[in-house]
């Protein structure tokens, strides 16, 4: 009788371990898009260009990924500057 008390939990643990290995989802299988843009850094006061800023965005659709990347570039701007004339560099499946 004691043997069955020990074997039961061991079998349960072994089955749980095997099932957990089969249900793991790899990171590459995540859905969505990753976008990369390059925007001109424009000073608002005199509308002059002062270099570039890179932006990256993630979203479930391509248009939303582009919007997120442009917003990211604009959020990185210091006070008195804004992102303008953004160029779409790349978009990849996440």
Protein backbone atom coordinates (compact mmCIF):
# COMPACT_ATOMS: atom_id res chain seq x y z
CA UNK A 1 0.00 0.00 0.00
CA UNK A 2 2.81 2.41 0.80
CA UNK A 3 4.35 1.83 -2.61
CA UNK A 4 1.31 3.32 -4.38
CA UNK A 5 1.47 6.48 -2.27
CA UNK A 6 5.01 7.13 -3.46
CA UNK A 7 4.50 6.16 -7.09
CA UNK A 8 1.37 8.33 -7.57
CA UNK A 9 3.08 11.70 -6.98
CA UNK A 10 6.11 10.65 -9.03
CA UNK A 11 3.94 9.73 -12.02
CA UNK A 12 1.99 12.98 -11.68
CA UNK A 13 5.20 15.03 -11.60
CA UNK A 14 6.61 13.19 -14.64
CA UNK A 15 3.42 13.70 -16.67
CA UNK A 16 3.28 17.39 -15.71
CA UNK A 17 6.90 17.87 -16.78
CA UNK A 18 6.29 16.22 -20.15
CA UNK A 19 3.16 18.26 -20.81
CA UNK A 20 4.85 21.53 -19.92
CA UNK A 21 7.61 20.87 -22.45
CA UNK A 22 5.12 20.36 -25.26
CA UNK A 23 3.06 23.48 -24.57
CA UNK A 24 5.87 26.06 -24.41
CA UNK A 25 5.54 28.74 -27.09
CA UNK A 26 8.79 30.04 -28.61
CA UNK A 27 9.43 33.80 -28.65
CA UNK A 28 9.74 33.79 -32.46
CA UNK A 29 6.09 32.81 -32.78
CA UNK A 30 4.87 36.14 -31.38
CA UNK A 31 2.54 37.97 -33.74
CA UNK A 32 3.00 41.57 -34.82
CA UNK A 33 5.37 43.89 -36.64
CA UNK A 34 8.55 45.81 -35.75
CA UNK A 35 9.12 49.08 -37.65
CA UNK A 36 12.16 51.36 -37.89
CA UNK A 37 12.06 54.98 -39.06
CA UNK A 38 14.57 57.83 -39.36
CA UNK A 39 13.23 61.34 -38.80
CA UNK A 40 14.79 64.75 -39.29
CA UNK A 41 15.25 66.62 -36.00
CA UNK A 42 13.63 70.03 -36.64
CA UNK A 43 13.90 73.06 -34.35
CA UNK A 44 10.42 74.56 -33.98
CA UNK A 45 11.50 78.21 -33.50
CA UNK A 46 13.19 78.63 -36.88
CA UNK A 47 12.25 75.36 -38.66
CA UNK A 48 15.87 74.30 -39.25
CA UNK A 49 17.17 70.74 -39.38
CA UNK A 50 19.63 69.53 -36.76
CA UNK A 51 20.42 65.89 -37.51
CA UNK A 52 18.34 62.74 -37.33
CA UNK A 53 16.57 60.62 -34.74
CA UNK A 54 15.82 56.89 -35.00
CA UNK A 55 12.45 55.53 -33.95
CA UNK A 56 11.29 51.95 -33.34
CA UNK A 57 7.74 50.72 -32.90
CA UNK A 58 5.88 47.45 -32.36
CA UNK A 59 2.23 46.73 -33.16
CA UNK A 60 -0.10 44.04 -34.48
CA UNK A 61 -0.53 45.70 -37.90
CA UNK A 62 1.99 47.34 -40.24
CA UNK A 63 0.35 50.82 -40.24
CA UNK A 64 0.18 50.81 -36.44
CA UNK A 65 3.85 49.78 -36.23
CA UNK A 66 4.83 52.72 -38.47
CA UNK A 67 2.78 55.10 -36.31
CA UNK A 68 4.37 53.73 -33.15
CA UNK A 69 7.88 54.16 -34.62
CA UNK A 70 7.18 57.78 -35.62
CA UNK A 71 5.73 58.50 -32.17
CA UNK A 72 8.83 56.94 -30.59
CA UNK A 73 11.13 59.20 -32.63
CA UNK A 74 9.04 62.27 -31.74
CA UNK A 75 9.03 61.33 -28.04
CA UNK A 76 12.86 61.25 -28.06
CA UNK A 77 13.10 64.89 -29.21
CA UNK A 78 14.36 67.46 -26.72
CA UNK A 79 12.17 70.46 -25.84
CA UNK A 80 11.85 72.86 -28.77
CA UNK A 81 12.32 70.17 -31.43
CA UNK A 82 10.04 67.80 -33.34
CA UNK A 83 10.37 64.86 -35.70
CA UNK A 84 9.59 65.72 -39.31
CA UNK A 85 10.05 64.11 -42.73
CA UNK A 86 10.27 60.57 -41.35
CA UNK A 87 11.66 57.91 -43.68
CA UNK A 88 10.47 54.33 -43.32
CA UNK A 89 13.63 52.23 -43.09
CA UNK A 90 12.39 48.70 -42.39
CA UNK A 91 9.53 46.63 -41.13
CA UNK A 92 9.80 43.00 -40.04
CA UNK A 93 7.53 40.33 -38.65
CA UNK A 94 7.98 40.08 -34.88
